[in-house]
N, C-alpha and C. Protein backbone atom coordinates (compact mmCIF):
# COMPACT_ATOMS: atom_id res chain seq x y z
N MET A 1 2.86 7.86 -3.27
CA MET A 1 2.20 9.12 -3.55
C MET A 1 2.18 10.04 -2.34
N LEU A 2 2.10 9.45 -1.18
CA LEU A 2 2.05 10.23 0.07
C LEU A 2 2.92 9.58 1.12
N ARG A 3 3.66 10.41 1.86
CA ARG A 3 4.49 9.87 2.93
C ARG A 3 4.53 10.85 4.10
N LEU A 4 4.22 10.35 5.27
CA LEU A 4 4.39 11.10 6.51
C LEU A 4 5.54 10.49 7.29
N SER A 5 6.39 11.35 7.83
CA SER A 5 7.53 10.88 8.63
C SER A 5 7.63 11.73 9.90
N GLY A 6 7.43 11.09 11.04
CA GLY A 6 7.64 11.76 12.32
C GLY A 6 6.71 12.93 12.59
N ILE A 7 5.46 12.84 12.12
CA ILE A 7 4.51 13.95 12.31
C ILE A 7 4.08 14.05 13.77
N THR A 8 4.33 15.22 14.35
CA THR A 8 4.00 15.47 15.75
C THR A 8 3.14 16.73 15.86
N LYS A 9 2.14 16.65 16.74
CA LYS A 9 1.30 17.81 17.02
C LYS A 9 0.97 17.86 18.50
N LYS A 10 1.21 19.00 19.10
CA LYS A 10 0.93 19.16 20.53
C LYS A 10 0.24 20.49 20.78
N TYR A 11 -0.46 20.56 21.90
CA TYR A 11 -1.13 21.79 22.30
C TYR A 11 -0.79 22.09 23.76
N PRO A 12 -0.71 23.37 24.12
CA PRO A 12 -0.43 23.72 25.52
C PRO A 12 -1.50 23.13 26.44
N ASP A 13 -1.03 22.61 27.56
CA ASP A 13 -1.93 22.00 28.54
C ASP A 13 -1.50 22.43 29.94
N GLY A 14 -1.69 23.71 30.21
CA GLY A 14 -1.23 24.24 31.48
C GLY A 14 0.17 24.82 31.37
N GLU A 15 0.67 25.37 32.44
CA GLU A 15 1.96 26.03 32.45
C GLU A 15 3.09 25.04 32.22
N ASN A 16 3.89 25.30 31.14
CA ASN A 16 5.05 24.46 30.80
C ASN A 16 4.68 23.00 30.59
N SER A 17 3.46 22.76 30.12
CA SER A 17 3.02 21.39 29.87
C SER A 17 2.31 21.32 28.53
N PHE A 18 2.41 20.17 27.85
CA PHE A 18 1.79 20.02 26.54
C PHE A 18 1.02 18.71 26.46
N ASN A 19 -0.05 18.74 25.69
CA ASN A 19 -0.81 17.54 25.37
C ASN A 19 -0.42 17.11 23.96
N TYR A 20 0.24 15.97 23.83
CA TYR A 20 0.67 15.48 22.52
C TYR A 20 -0.47 14.71 21.87
N VAL A 21 -1.03 15.29 20.80
CA VAL A 21 -2.13 14.65 20.08
C VAL A 21 -1.60 13.62 19.09
N LEU A 22 -0.52 13.95 18.39
CA LEU A 22 0.15 13.03 17.48
C LEU A 22 1.60 12.88 17.91
N ARG A 23 2.06 11.65 17.97
CA ARG A 23 3.39 11.36 18.51
C ARG A 23 4.26 10.65 17.48
N GLY A 24 4.77 11.40 16.52
CA GLY A 24 5.68 10.81 15.54
C GLY A 24 5.00 9.86 14.58
N VAL A 25 3.94 10.33 13.92
CA VAL A 25 3.17 9.48 13.00
C VAL A 25 3.93 9.26 11.70
N ASN A 26 4.01 8.00 11.29
CA ASN A 26 4.62 7.62 10.01
C ASN A 26 3.56 6.89 9.18
N MET A 27 3.49 7.20 7.90
CA MET A 27 2.51 6.55 7.03
C MET A 27 2.93 6.71 5.58
N SER A 28 2.79 5.64 4.81
CA SER A 28 3.01 5.70 3.36
C SER A 28 1.76 5.20 2.66
N VAL A 29 1.34 5.90 1.62
CA VAL A 29 0.14 5.54 0.88
C VAL A 29 0.48 5.52 -0.60
N GLU A 30 0.12 4.42 -1.26
CA GLU A 30 0.34 4.30 -2.70
C GLU A 30 -0.85 4.85 -3.47
N LYS A 31 -0.61 5.27 -4.70
CA LYS A 31 -1.68 5.78 -5.55
C LYS A 31 -2.75 4.70 -5.73
N GLY A 32 -4.01 5.10 -5.55
CA GLY A 32 -5.13 4.18 -5.75
C GLY A 32 -5.53 3.39 -4.53
N GLU A 33 -4.84 3.56 -3.42
CA GLU A 33 -5.22 2.84 -2.20
C GLU A 33 -6.45 3.48 -1.55
N PHE A 34 -7.18 2.67 -0.79
CA PHE A 34 -8.29 3.13 0.04
C PHE A 34 -7.91 2.76 1.48
N ILE A 35 -7.55 3.77 2.26
CA ILE A 35 -7.06 3.58 3.62
C ILE A 35 -8.11 4.06 4.61
N ALA A 36 -8.37 3.26 5.62
CA ALA A 36 -9.22 3.68 6.74
C ALA A 36 -8.34 3.84 7.97
N ILE A 37 -8.51 4.96 8.66
CA ILE A 37 -7.82 5.19 9.93
C ILE A 37 -8.88 5.16 11.02
N LYS A 38 -8.76 4.19 11.91
CA LYS A 38 -9.78 3.96 12.93
C LYS A 38 -9.23 4.36 14.29
N GLY A 39 -10.10 4.90 15.11
CA GLY A 39 -9.70 5.26 16.46
C GLY A 39 -10.86 5.83 17.22
N ALA A 40 -10.76 5.79 18.53
CA ALA A 40 -11.82 6.32 19.38
C ALA A 40 -11.86 7.84 19.30
N SER A 41 -12.94 8.42 19.78
CA SER A 41 -13.05 9.87 19.86
C SER A 41 -11.91 10.41 20.71
N GLY A 42 -11.24 11.46 20.19
CA GLY A 42 -10.12 12.04 20.92
C GLY A 42 -8.78 11.39 20.66
N SER A 43 -8.75 10.44 19.73
CA SER A 43 -7.49 9.73 19.45
C SER A 43 -6.56 10.52 18.53
N GLY A 44 -7.06 11.61 17.93
CA GLY A 44 -6.23 12.41 17.03
C GLY A 44 -6.56 12.25 15.57
N LYS A 45 -7.66 11.54 15.25
CA LYS A 45 -8.00 11.28 13.85
C LYS A 45 -8.23 12.57 13.07
N THR A 46 -9.04 13.46 13.63
CA THR A 46 -9.36 14.70 12.91
C THR A 46 -8.12 15.59 12.78
N THR A 47 -7.27 15.61 13.81
CA THR A 47 -6.03 16.37 13.73
C THR A 47 -5.15 15.85 12.60
N LEU A 48 -5.03 14.54 12.51
CA LEU A 48 -4.22 13.95 11.45
C LEU A 48 -4.81 14.26 10.08
N LEU A 49 -6.13 14.16 9.93
CA LEU A 49 -6.76 14.46 8.66
C LEU A 49 -6.59 15.93 8.30
N SER A 50 -6.64 16.81 9.30
CA SER A 50 -6.45 18.24 9.05
C SER A 50 -5.04 18.54 8.57
N ILE A 51 -4.05 17.81 9.08
CA ILE A 51 -2.66 17.97 8.61
C ILE A 51 -2.54 17.46 7.18
N LEU A 52 -3.15 16.31 6.89
CA LEU A 52 -3.13 15.77 5.53
C LEU A 52 -3.80 16.74 4.55
N GLY A 53 -4.81 17.46 5.03
CA GLY A 53 -5.53 18.40 4.19
C GLY A 53 -4.95 19.78 4.17
N THR A 54 -3.79 19.99 4.78
CA THR A 54 -3.07 21.28 4.87
C THR A 54 -3.89 22.34 5.59
N LEU A 55 -4.87 21.92 6.38
CA LEU A 55 -5.66 22.86 7.17
C LEU A 55 -4.99 23.16 8.51
N LEU A 56 -4.02 22.34 8.85
CA LEU A 56 -3.30 22.46 10.12
C LEU A 56 -1.85 22.05 9.87
N GLN A 57 -0.93 22.78 10.47
CA GLN A 57 0.49 22.47 10.29
C GLN A 57 1.01 21.69 11.49
N PRO A 58 1.82 20.65 11.26
CA PRO A 58 2.39 19.90 12.39
C PRO A 58 3.50 20.70 13.07
N ASP A 59 3.83 20.30 14.29
CA ASP A 59 4.94 20.92 14.99
C ASP A 59 6.28 20.38 14.51
N ALA A 60 6.28 19.15 14.03
CA ALA A 60 7.51 18.53 13.53
C ALA A 60 7.13 17.43 12.56
N GLY A 61 8.10 17.07 11.71
CA GLY A 61 7.90 15.96 10.79
C GLY A 61 7.81 16.40 9.35
N SER A 62 7.77 15.43 8.46
CA SER A 62 7.77 15.65 7.01
C SER A 62 6.47 15.11 6.41
N TYR A 63 5.91 15.89 5.48
CA TYR A 63 4.71 15.47 4.75
C TYR A 63 5.00 15.67 3.27
N VAL A 64 5.14 14.57 2.54
CA VAL A 64 5.40 14.61 1.11
C VAL A 64 4.17 14.12 0.37
N LEU A 65 3.66 14.94 -0.55
CA LEU A 65 2.49 14.60 -1.36
C LEU A 65 2.84 14.78 -2.82
N ASP A 66 2.75 13.71 -3.59
CA ASP A 66 3.02 13.76 -5.03
C ASP A 66 4.41 14.37 -5.30
N GLY A 67 5.37 14.00 -4.48
CA GLY A 67 6.75 14.46 -4.67
C GLY A 67 7.04 15.83 -4.10
N MET A 68 6.06 16.49 -3.50
CA MET A 68 6.24 17.84 -2.95
C MET A 68 6.27 17.79 -1.44
N GLU A 69 7.29 18.42 -0.85
CA GLU A 69 7.34 18.57 0.60
C GLU A 69 6.36 19.68 0.98
N ILE A 70 5.31 19.31 1.70
CA ILE A 70 4.23 20.24 1.99
C ILE A 70 4.60 21.23 3.09
N ASN A 71 5.31 20.77 4.10
CA ASN A 71 5.58 21.62 5.26
C ASN A 71 6.85 22.45 5.08
N THR A 72 6.85 23.27 4.04
CA THR A 72 7.98 24.15 3.79
C THR A 72 7.45 25.56 3.49
N PRO A 73 8.24 26.58 3.81
CA PRO A 73 7.82 27.96 3.53
C PRO A 73 7.58 28.17 2.04
N GLY A 74 6.57 28.96 1.73
CA GLY A 74 6.29 29.31 0.35
C GLY A 74 5.29 28.42 -0.35
N VAL A 75 4.90 27.31 0.27
CA VAL A 75 3.91 26.44 -0.35
C VAL A 75 2.54 27.13 -0.33
N ASP A 76 1.87 27.13 -1.46
CA ASP A 76 0.54 27.73 -1.57
C ASP A 76 -0.49 26.67 -1.16
N TYR A 77 -0.87 26.69 0.12
CA TYR A 77 -1.75 25.65 0.64
C TYR A 77 -3.12 25.66 -0.02
N SER A 78 -3.64 26.85 -0.35
CA SER A 78 -4.95 26.91 -0.98
C SER A 78 -4.93 26.25 -2.35
N ALA A 79 -3.84 26.41 -3.08
CA ALA A 79 -3.71 25.78 -4.39
C ALA A 79 -3.58 24.26 -4.25
N VAL A 80 -2.83 23.82 -3.24
CA VAL A 80 -2.71 22.37 -2.99
C VAL A 80 -4.08 21.78 -2.69
N ARG A 81 -4.83 22.46 -1.81
CA ARG A 81 -6.16 21.95 -1.45
C ARG A 81 -7.08 21.91 -2.65
N ASN A 82 -7.04 22.93 -3.49
CA ASN A 82 -7.97 22.99 -4.60
C ASN A 82 -7.62 22.03 -5.72
N ARG A 83 -6.34 21.83 -5.98
CA ARG A 83 -5.93 21.06 -7.16
C ARG A 83 -5.53 19.61 -6.86
N LYS A 84 -5.15 19.34 -5.63
CA LYS A 84 -4.66 17.99 -5.32
C LYS A 84 -5.53 17.23 -4.33
N LEU A 85 -6.40 17.95 -3.58
CA LEU A 85 -7.15 17.32 -2.51
C LEU A 85 -8.66 17.52 -2.68
N GLY A 86 -9.41 16.52 -2.25
CA GLY A 86 -10.87 16.63 -2.16
C GLY A 86 -11.29 16.28 -0.75
N PHE A 87 -12.33 16.92 -0.25
CA PHE A 87 -12.76 16.74 1.13
C PHE A 87 -14.22 16.29 1.20
N VAL A 88 -14.48 15.30 2.04
CA VAL A 88 -15.84 14.88 2.35
C VAL A 88 -16.00 15.00 3.86
N PHE A 89 -16.90 15.88 4.30
CA PHE A 89 -17.09 16.14 5.72
C PHE A 89 -18.32 15.40 6.25
N GLN A 90 -18.33 15.19 7.56
CA GLN A 90 -19.43 14.49 8.19
C GLN A 90 -20.76 15.23 7.99
N ASP A 91 -20.72 16.58 8.04
CA ASP A 91 -21.95 17.36 7.91
C ASP A 91 -22.20 17.88 6.50
N HIS A 92 -21.46 17.37 5.53
CA HIS A 92 -21.62 17.64 4.10
C HIS A 92 -21.27 19.08 3.69
N ARG A 93 -21.68 20.08 4.46
CA ARG A 93 -21.34 21.49 4.22
C ARG A 93 -21.75 21.96 2.82
N LEU A 94 -22.95 21.63 2.43
CA LEU A 94 -23.48 22.12 1.15
C LEU A 94 -23.99 23.54 1.33
N MET A 95 -23.86 24.35 0.28
CA MET A 95 -24.35 25.72 0.30
C MET A 95 -25.85 25.71 0.03
N PRO A 96 -26.67 26.19 0.97
CA PRO A 96 -28.12 26.05 0.84
C PRO A 96 -28.72 26.81 -0.34
N GLN A 97 -28.05 27.88 -0.79
CA GLN A 97 -28.59 28.70 -1.88
C GLN A 97 -28.23 28.17 -3.26
N LEU A 98 -27.45 27.07 -3.31
CA LEU A 98 -27.02 26.50 -4.58
C LEU A 98 -27.70 25.15 -4.81
N THR A 99 -27.98 24.84 -6.08
CA THR A 99 -28.51 23.52 -6.40
C THR A 99 -27.44 22.46 -6.19
N ALA A 100 -27.85 21.20 -6.28
CA ALA A 100 -26.89 20.11 -6.13
C ALA A 100 -25.77 20.22 -7.16
N LEU A 101 -26.13 20.48 -8.42
CA LEU A 101 -25.12 20.61 -9.47
C LEU A 101 -24.20 21.79 -9.19
N GLU A 102 -24.76 22.91 -8.77
CA GLU A 102 -23.94 24.09 -8.47
C GLU A 102 -23.02 23.84 -7.28
N ASN A 103 -23.48 23.08 -6.29
CA ASN A 103 -22.61 22.73 -5.17
C ASN A 103 -21.43 21.88 -5.62
N ILE A 104 -21.69 20.96 -6.52
CA ILE A 104 -20.62 20.10 -7.03
C ILE A 104 -19.58 20.93 -7.76
N LEU A 105 -20.03 21.91 -8.51
CA LEU A 105 -19.13 22.73 -9.32
C LEU A 105 -18.42 23.83 -8.52
N LEU A 106 -18.78 24.00 -7.26
CA LEU A 106 -18.24 25.11 -6.47
C LEU A 106 -16.71 25.17 -6.45
N PRO A 107 -15.98 24.05 -6.29
CA PRO A 107 -14.51 24.14 -6.27
C PRO A 107 -13.91 24.65 -7.57
N THR A 108 -14.63 24.55 -8.68
CA THR A 108 -14.08 25.03 -9.96
C THR A 108 -14.01 26.55 -10.01
N LEU A 109 -14.70 27.23 -9.09
CA LEU A 109 -14.76 28.68 -9.11
C LEU A 109 -13.62 29.34 -8.33
N ALA A 110 -12.72 28.54 -7.80
CA ALA A 110 -11.60 29.10 -7.03
C ALA A 110 -10.72 30.00 -7.90
N PHE A 111 -10.56 29.64 -9.17
CA PHE A 111 -9.66 30.40 -10.05
C PHE A 111 -10.34 30.86 -11.34
N GLN A 112 -11.67 30.86 -11.36
CA GLN A 112 -12.40 31.30 -12.54
C GLN A 112 -13.80 31.74 -12.10
N ASN A 113 -14.47 32.48 -12.97
CA ASN A 113 -15.77 33.03 -12.61
C ASN A 113 -16.93 32.07 -12.87
N LYS A 114 -16.71 31.12 -13.76
CA LYS A 114 -17.80 30.23 -14.15
C LYS A 114 -17.23 28.88 -14.57
N ALA A 115 -17.92 27.81 -14.20
CA ALA A 115 -17.49 26.48 -14.63
C ALA A 115 -17.63 26.37 -16.14
N ASP A 116 -16.66 25.74 -16.77
CA ASP A 116 -16.74 25.59 -18.23
C ASP A 116 -17.53 24.33 -18.59
N GLU A 117 -17.74 24.14 -19.87
CA GLU A 117 -18.58 23.04 -20.35
C GLU A 117 -17.99 21.68 -19.97
N THR A 118 -16.67 21.56 -20.06
CA THR A 118 -16.02 20.30 -19.71
C THR A 118 -16.24 19.95 -18.25
N GLN A 119 -16.11 20.94 -17.38
CA GLN A 119 -16.31 20.71 -15.95
C GLN A 119 -17.77 20.37 -15.64
N THR A 120 -18.69 21.05 -16.31
CA THR A 120 -20.11 20.75 -16.10
C THR A 120 -20.45 19.34 -16.58
N ASP A 121 -19.90 18.95 -17.72
CA ASP A 121 -20.12 17.59 -18.22
C ASP A 121 -19.56 16.56 -17.24
N TYR A 122 -18.39 16.84 -16.67
CA TYR A 122 -17.79 15.91 -15.72
C TYR A 122 -18.63 15.82 -14.45
N ALA A 123 -19.17 16.96 -14.00
CA ALA A 123 -20.05 16.95 -12.82
C ALA A 123 -21.26 16.05 -13.07
N ARG A 124 -21.81 16.13 -14.25
CA ARG A 124 -22.97 15.27 -14.57
C ARG A 124 -22.56 13.80 -14.66
N GLN A 125 -21.35 13.53 -15.14
CA GLN A 125 -20.85 12.15 -15.16
C GLN A 125 -20.70 11.61 -13.73
N LEU A 126 -20.21 12.46 -12.83
CA LEU A 126 -20.06 12.04 -11.43
C LEU A 126 -21.43 11.79 -10.80
N MET A 127 -22.40 12.63 -11.12
CA MET A 127 -23.75 12.44 -10.58
C MET A 127 -24.35 11.13 -11.10
N GLU A 128 -24.06 10.80 -12.35
CA GLU A 128 -24.54 9.53 -12.90
C GLU A 128 -23.85 8.36 -12.21
N LEU A 129 -22.54 8.48 -12.00
CA LEU A 129 -21.78 7.42 -11.34
C LEU A 129 -22.32 7.16 -9.93
N THR A 130 -22.71 8.22 -9.24
CA THR A 130 -23.15 8.10 -7.85
C THR A 130 -24.68 7.99 -7.72
N GLY A 131 -25.38 7.95 -8.85
CA GLY A 131 -26.81 7.70 -8.83
C GLY A 131 -27.69 8.86 -8.39
N ILE A 132 -27.26 10.10 -8.64
CA ILE A 132 -28.05 11.25 -8.21
C ILE A 132 -28.33 12.23 -9.35
N SER A 133 -28.32 11.76 -10.58
CA SER A 133 -28.57 12.64 -11.71
C SER A 133 -29.93 13.35 -11.58
N SER A 134 -30.89 12.69 -10.99
CA SER A 134 -32.25 13.23 -10.92
C SER A 134 -32.38 14.42 -9.98
N VAL A 135 -31.38 14.66 -9.10
CA VAL A 135 -31.50 15.75 -8.13
C VAL A 135 -30.63 16.95 -8.51
N ALA A 136 -30.16 17.00 -9.73
CA ALA A 136 -29.21 18.05 -10.16
C ALA A 136 -29.71 19.45 -9.86
N ASN A 137 -31.02 19.68 -10.04
CA ASN A 137 -31.56 21.04 -9.88
C ASN A 137 -32.26 21.25 -8.53
N GLN A 138 -32.11 20.30 -7.64
CA GLN A 138 -32.72 20.45 -6.31
C GLN A 138 -31.76 21.17 -5.36
N TYR A 139 -32.34 21.78 -4.33
CA TYR A 139 -31.55 22.48 -3.31
C TYR A 139 -31.32 21.55 -2.12
N PRO A 140 -30.27 21.80 -1.33
CA PRO A 140 -29.90 20.89 -0.24
C PRO A 140 -31.03 20.56 0.74
N ASP A 141 -31.93 21.53 1.01
CA ASP A 141 -32.97 21.24 1.99
C ASP A 141 -34.03 20.28 1.47
N THR A 142 -33.96 19.92 0.17
CA THR A 142 -34.89 18.95 -0.39
C THR A 142 -34.25 17.57 -0.56
N LEU A 143 -32.99 17.44 -0.19
CA LEU A 143 -32.26 16.19 -0.39
C LEU A 143 -32.33 15.31 0.86
N SER A 144 -32.33 14.00 0.65
CA SER A 144 -32.18 13.08 1.78
C SER A 144 -30.74 13.09 2.26
N GLY A 145 -30.50 12.52 3.42
CA GLY A 145 -29.13 12.45 3.94
C GLY A 145 -28.20 11.71 3.00
N GLY A 146 -28.70 10.62 2.41
CA GLY A 146 -27.88 9.86 1.47
C GLY A 146 -27.57 10.64 0.22
N GLU A 147 -28.56 11.39 -0.29
CA GLU A 147 -28.34 12.20 -1.48
C GLU A 147 -27.35 13.33 -1.21
N ALA A 148 -27.48 13.97 -0.05
CA ALA A 148 -26.56 15.05 0.31
C ALA A 148 -25.13 14.53 0.41
N CYS A 149 -24.97 13.32 0.96
CA CYS A 149 -23.65 12.71 1.08
C CYS A 149 -23.05 12.48 -0.31
N ARG A 150 -23.87 12.06 -1.26
CA ARG A 150 -23.39 11.79 -2.61
C ARG A 150 -23.02 13.09 -3.34
N VAL A 151 -23.80 14.14 -3.11
CA VAL A 151 -23.45 15.44 -3.68
C VAL A 151 -22.10 15.90 -3.15
N ALA A 152 -21.90 15.73 -1.82
CA ALA A 152 -20.63 16.12 -1.22
C ALA A 152 -19.47 15.32 -1.80
N LEU A 153 -19.69 14.04 -2.08
CA LEU A 153 -18.63 13.22 -2.67
C LEU A 153 -18.32 13.69 -4.09
N CYS A 154 -19.35 13.99 -4.87
CA CYS A 154 -19.12 14.50 -6.23
C CYS A 154 -18.34 15.82 -6.18
N ARG A 155 -18.69 16.68 -5.24
CA ARG A 155 -17.97 17.95 -5.09
C ARG A 155 -16.49 17.70 -4.79
N ALA A 156 -16.21 16.69 -3.95
CA ALA A 156 -14.83 16.36 -3.61
C ALA A 156 -14.05 15.85 -4.81
N LEU A 157 -14.77 15.29 -5.80
CA LEU A 157 -14.12 14.66 -6.95
C LEU A 157 -14.02 15.57 -8.17
N ILE A 158 -14.71 16.71 -8.17
CA ILE A 158 -14.87 17.50 -9.39
C ILE A 158 -13.53 18.00 -9.95
N MET A 159 -12.54 18.25 -9.10
CA MET A 159 -11.24 18.73 -9.59
C MET A 159 -10.27 17.59 -9.91
N LYS A 160 -10.79 16.36 -9.91
CA LYS A 160 -9.98 15.16 -10.18
C LYS A 160 -8.75 15.12 -9.26
N PRO A 161 -8.98 15.15 -7.94
CA PRO A 161 -7.88 15.24 -6.99
C PRO A 161 -7.04 13.97 -6.92
N LEU A 162 -5.80 14.13 -6.49
CA LEU A 162 -4.95 12.97 -6.23
C LEU A 162 -5.46 12.18 -5.03
N LEU A 163 -6.03 12.91 -4.07
CA LEU A 163 -6.37 12.32 -2.78
C LEU A 163 -7.69 12.88 -2.28
N VAL A 164 -8.58 11.99 -1.85
CA VAL A 164 -9.82 12.41 -1.18
C VAL A 164 -9.70 12.06 0.30
N LEU A 165 -10.01 13.05 1.15
CA LEU A 165 -9.97 12.88 2.60
C LEU A 165 -11.41 12.89 3.11
N ALA A 166 -11.80 11.83 3.78
CA ALA A 166 -13.18 11.69 4.27
C ALA A 166 -13.18 11.62 5.79
N ASP A 167 -13.84 12.58 6.41
CA ASP A 167 -13.87 12.70 7.87
C ASP A 167 -15.21 12.17 8.40
N GLU A 168 -15.21 10.93 8.90
CA GLU A 168 -16.43 10.30 9.43
C GLU A 168 -17.60 10.50 8.45
N PRO A 169 -17.45 10.10 7.18
CA PRO A 169 -18.45 10.44 6.17
C PRO A 169 -19.81 9.81 6.40
N THR A 170 -19.90 8.78 7.25
CA THR A 170 -21.18 8.12 7.52
C THR A 170 -21.73 8.49 8.89
N GLY A 171 -21.09 9.45 9.56
CA GLY A 171 -21.43 9.74 10.95
C GLY A 171 -22.85 10.22 11.18
N GLN A 172 -23.45 10.88 10.19
CA GLN A 172 -24.81 11.41 10.35
C GLN A 172 -25.85 10.63 9.57
N LEU A 173 -25.48 9.44 9.11
CA LEU A 173 -26.40 8.63 8.31
C LEU A 173 -26.89 7.42 9.10
N ASP A 174 -28.10 6.95 8.76
CA ASP A 174 -28.59 5.72 9.37
C ASP A 174 -27.80 4.54 8.80
N ALA A 175 -28.01 3.36 9.36
CA ALA A 175 -27.18 2.20 9.01
C ALA A 175 -27.22 1.88 7.53
N GLU A 176 -28.42 1.94 6.93
CA GLU A 176 -28.56 1.60 5.51
C GLU A 176 -27.83 2.60 4.63
N ASN A 177 -28.05 3.89 4.89
CA ASN A 177 -27.38 4.92 4.09
C ASN A 177 -25.88 4.95 4.35
N ALA A 178 -25.48 4.63 5.58
CA ALA A 178 -24.05 4.60 5.91
C ALA A 178 -23.34 3.53 5.09
N ARG A 179 -23.96 2.35 5.00
CA ARG A 179 -23.34 1.28 4.21
C ARG A 179 -23.30 1.66 2.73
N SER A 180 -24.37 2.27 2.23
CA SER A 180 -24.40 2.70 0.83
C SER A 180 -23.30 3.71 0.56
N ALA A 181 -23.09 4.64 1.51
CA ALA A 181 -22.10 5.70 1.32
C ALA A 181 -20.69 5.14 1.26
N VAL A 182 -20.38 4.21 2.17
CA VAL A 182 -19.01 3.69 2.20
C VAL A 182 -18.76 2.76 1.01
N LEU A 183 -19.80 2.04 0.57
CA LEU A 183 -19.65 1.22 -0.65
C LEU A 183 -19.46 2.10 -1.88
N LEU A 184 -20.08 3.28 -1.85
CA LEU A 184 -19.89 4.23 -2.94
C LEU A 184 -18.45 4.75 -2.96
N LEU A 185 -17.89 5.01 -1.79
CA LEU A 185 -16.48 5.42 -1.72
C LEU A 185 -15.59 4.34 -2.34
N ALA A 186 -15.89 3.07 -2.01
CA ALA A 186 -15.11 1.97 -2.57
C ALA A 186 -15.27 1.91 -4.10
N LYS A 187 -16.48 2.17 -4.59
CA LYS A 187 -16.72 2.16 -6.03
C LYS A 187 -15.92 3.26 -6.72
N VAL A 188 -15.94 4.45 -6.14
CA VAL A 188 -15.18 5.57 -6.69
C VAL A 188 -13.69 5.25 -6.69
N ASN A 189 -13.22 4.67 -5.60
CA ASN A 189 -11.82 4.28 -5.49
C ASN A 189 -11.41 3.33 -6.62
N LYS A 190 -12.26 2.37 -6.91
CA LYS A 190 -11.93 1.37 -7.93
C LYS A 190 -12.12 1.92 -9.34
N GLU A 191 -13.23 2.59 -9.60
CA GLU A 191 -13.55 3.00 -10.98
C GLU A 191 -12.77 4.24 -11.42
N LEU A 192 -12.53 5.17 -10.50
CA LEU A 192 -11.79 6.38 -10.85
C LEU A 192 -10.33 6.30 -10.43
N GLU A 193 -9.97 5.23 -9.70
CA GLU A 193 -8.61 5.04 -9.18
C GLU A 193 -8.18 6.22 -8.30
N THR A 194 -9.16 6.75 -7.56
CA THR A 194 -8.90 7.87 -6.65
C THR A 194 -8.40 7.34 -5.31
N THR A 195 -7.30 7.87 -4.84
CA THR A 195 -6.78 7.49 -3.53
C THR A 195 -7.67 8.11 -2.45
N ILE A 196 -8.04 7.32 -1.46
CA ILE A 196 -8.94 7.78 -0.41
C ILE A 196 -8.34 7.45 0.96
N ILE A 197 -8.35 8.44 1.84
CA ILE A 197 -8.04 8.22 3.25
C ILE A 197 -9.27 8.64 4.04
N MET A 198 -9.81 7.71 4.80
CA MET A 198 -11.04 7.95 5.55
C MET A 198 -10.78 7.70 7.04
N VAL A 199 -11.24 8.61 7.89
CA VAL A 199 -11.16 8.35 9.32
C VAL A 199 -12.54 7.99 9.83
N THR A 200 -12.59 7.03 10.74
CA THR A 200 -13.86 6.55 11.27
C THR A 200 -13.63 5.87 12.61
N HIS A 201 -14.70 5.75 13.39
CA HIS A 201 -14.62 4.98 14.63
C HIS A 201 -15.37 3.66 14.47
N ALA A 202 -16.02 3.46 13.30
CA ALA A 202 -16.91 2.32 13.10
C ALA A 202 -16.19 1.17 12.40
N ASP A 203 -16.25 -0.01 12.99
CA ASP A 203 -15.61 -1.19 12.40
C ASP A 203 -16.18 -1.52 11.03
N ALA A 204 -17.52 -1.47 10.89
CA ALA A 204 -18.16 -1.84 9.63
C ALA A 204 -17.75 -0.90 8.51
N THR A 205 -17.61 0.39 8.82
CA THR A 205 -17.20 1.37 7.81
C THR A 205 -15.75 1.13 7.40
N ALA A 206 -14.89 0.92 8.38
CA ALA A 206 -13.46 0.71 8.09
C ALA A 206 -13.22 -0.56 7.29
N ALA A 207 -14.07 -1.56 7.48
CA ALA A 207 -13.85 -2.87 6.86
C ALA A 207 -13.89 -2.83 5.34
N VAL A 208 -14.51 -1.81 4.76
CA VAL A 208 -14.62 -1.72 3.30
C VAL A 208 -13.29 -1.29 2.67
N ALA A 209 -12.42 -0.66 3.43
CA ALA A 209 -11.15 -0.15 2.91
C ALA A 209 -10.18 -1.28 2.59
N ASP A 210 -9.17 -0.97 1.77
CA ASP A 210 -8.14 -1.95 1.44
C ASP A 210 -7.24 -2.23 2.64
N ARG A 211 -7.04 -1.19 3.46
CA ARG A 211 -6.11 -1.31 4.59
C ARG A 211 -6.65 -0.47 5.74
N VAL A 212 -6.58 -1.03 6.95
CA VAL A 212 -7.08 -0.33 8.14
C VAL A 212 -5.91 -0.07 9.08
N LEU A 213 -5.73 1.20 9.48
CA LEU A 213 -4.70 1.59 10.43
C LEU A 213 -5.38 2.05 11.71
N MET A 214 -4.73 1.84 12.82
CA MET A 214 -5.28 2.23 14.13
C MET A 214 -4.50 3.41 14.69
N LEU A 215 -5.24 4.40 15.14
CA LEU A 215 -4.64 5.55 15.81
C LEU A 215 -5.06 5.52 17.26
N LYS A 216 -4.09 5.38 18.14
CA LYS A 216 -4.38 5.27 19.58
C LYS A 216 -3.34 6.06 20.34
N LYS A 217 -3.82 7.02 21.14
CA LYS A 217 -2.95 7.88 21.94
C LYS A 217 -1.88 8.55 21.08
N GLY A 218 -2.29 8.95 19.87
CA GLY A 218 -1.38 9.70 19.01
C GLY A 218 -0.39 8.87 18.23
N ILE A 219 -0.50 7.56 18.32
CA ILE A 219 0.42 6.65 17.62
C ILE A 219 -0.35 5.86 16.59
N LEU A 220 0.13 5.85 15.35
CA LEU A 220 -0.52 5.15 14.24
C LEU A 220 0.16 3.81 14.03
N SER A 221 -0.67 2.76 13.95
CA SER A 221 -0.09 1.43 13.74
C SER A 221 -1.00 0.59 12.84
């Protein structure tokens, strides 16, 4: 479903010098896999996830998603992000003026003015799956950290994406909520057969995934 070949990313580091963040990254992911990419701070995890999410373009290499070469002129990156990708961020990024249900439905508004009945029903199904049906009409400032994390996960799933990208999803949670969150990701992966790539520095978080890859000094192994 996904293949990276020779992905390289560098940034200027002084006159005629570059800092190579990614050094020829290769990776293949099958549909339905749950992959954890582990590495220390500064190892390039967020850069790699940003490239997978089409938020950042590599300097070299090939990125194929669902049979489409992503790094080619003319690709509509916003459409790829909306229809094929879901994102779970460390800080959740919920809109404070919207209820939990409205936050979940937010991605449906990219190409329409209002969520339809089918989308709203699916949002409620996701809330039931993740155990937050009772907070549908609450606003983000009334939610616990664990509840906010679950709302963010439902929002990532609302468009039925091929791939969910999770950037340190347990980073702002206490140990109990962190374990609940990562087990929920595993549940979603199994029950919805959603492919997940998660970056983390925590061994316990990575251990829940089907496969753990290490990113060190820009090299994935």
